[in-house]
Amino acid sequence: MKPLIVLVLLAILVSLGKALFSMSSGPEHSARVVQALSWRIGLSVALFVSILLGYHFGWIAPNTLH
């Protein structure tokens, strides 16, 4: 489960970088910015849901420092 979380976080960062590059290219690339940011939102929601499901089914556990 941990490698999946890391991969999704990296995909979110790539999507943010793609949006930044498209935004700096000029206003004619606004559709690309919207698409990249939409992907980021979708990946973020998917990551949140997968973490909740992973915790619910016992695939991941919180750290206990006691």
Protein backbone atom coordinates (compact mmCIF):
# COMPACT_ATOMS: atom_id res chain seq x y z
CA MET A 1 0.00 0.00 0.00
CA LYS A 2 2.87 2.38 0.76
CA PRO A 3 4.37 2.24 -2.76
CA LEU A 4 0.93 3.01 -4.19
CA ILE A 5 0.62 6.08 -1.97
CA VAL A 6 4.07 7.29 -3.02
CA LEU A 7 3.29 6.75 -6.71
CA VAL A 8 0.03 8.68 -6.47
CA LEU A 9 1.78 11.52 -4.62
CA LEU A 10 4.39 11.66 -7.38
CA ALA A 11 1.64 11.68 -10.01
CA ILE A 12 0.02 14.61 -8.19
CA LEU A 13 3.32 16.50 -8.25
CA VAL A 14 3.77 15.77 -11.96
CA SER A 15 0.27 17.06 -12.63
CA LEU A 16 1.01 20.25 -10.70
CA GLY A 17 4.23 20.71 -12.66
CA LYS A 18 2.41 20.18 -15.93
CA ALA A 19 -0.19 22.78 -14.94
CA LEU A 20 2.55 25.24 -13.98
CA PHE A 21 4.35 24.73 -17.28
CA SER A 22 1.12 25.15 -19.24
CA MET A 23 0.21 28.26 -17.26
CA SER A 24 3.58 29.85 -17.92
CA SER A 25 3.27 29.10 -21.66
CA GLY A 26 0.53 31.67 -22.06
CA PRO A 27 -3.22 32.08 -21.97
CA GLU A 28 -3.77 30.00 -25.10
CA HIS A 29 -2.97 26.87 -23.05
CA SER A 30 -5.71 27.39 -20.45
CA ALA A 31 -7.45 24.16 -21.45
CA ARG A 32 -4.28 22.22 -20.60
CA VAL A 33 -4.09 23.95 -17.21
CA VAL A 34 -7.68 23.01 -16.43
CA GLN A 35 -7.08 19.42 -17.52
CA ALA A 36 -3.91 19.07 -15.42
CA LEU A 37 -5.57 20.56 -12.35
CA SER A 38 -8.60 18.31 -12.85
CA TRP A 39 -6.28 15.31 -12.87
CA ARG A 40 -4.68 16.58 -9.66
CA ILE A 41 -8.04 16.87 -7.95
CA GLY A 42 -9.09 13.41 -9.11
CA LEU A 43 -5.81 11.87 -7.95
CA SER A 44 -6.05 13.62 -4.59
CA VAL A 45 -9.59 12.34 -4.01
CA ALA A 46 -8.57 8.84 -5.10
CA LEU A 47 -5.60 8.92 -2.72
CA PHE A 48 -7.77 10.07 0.18
CA VAL A 49 -10.37 7.36 -0.47
CA SER A 50 -7.69 4.67 -0.85
CA ILE A 51 -6.10 5.68 2.46
CA LEU A 52 -9.49 5.52 4.18
CA LEU A 53 -10.25 2.12 2.64
CA GLY A 54 -6.77 0.84 3.46
CA TYR A 55 -7.22 1.81 7.09
CA HIS A 56 -10.72 0.33 7.21
CA PHE A 57 -9.63 -3.04 5.81
CA GLY A 58 -6.42 -3.15 7.86
CA TRP A 59 -4.01 -2.79 4.93
CA ILE A 60 -2.38 0.20 6.64
CA ALA A 61 -2.19 1.05 10.33
CA PRO A 62 -1.44 4.29 12.16
CA ASN A 63 1.96 4.67 13.79
CA THR A 64 1.88 4.15 17.51
CA LEU A 65 4.83 5.61 19.37
CA HIS A 66 3.84 4.32 22.82
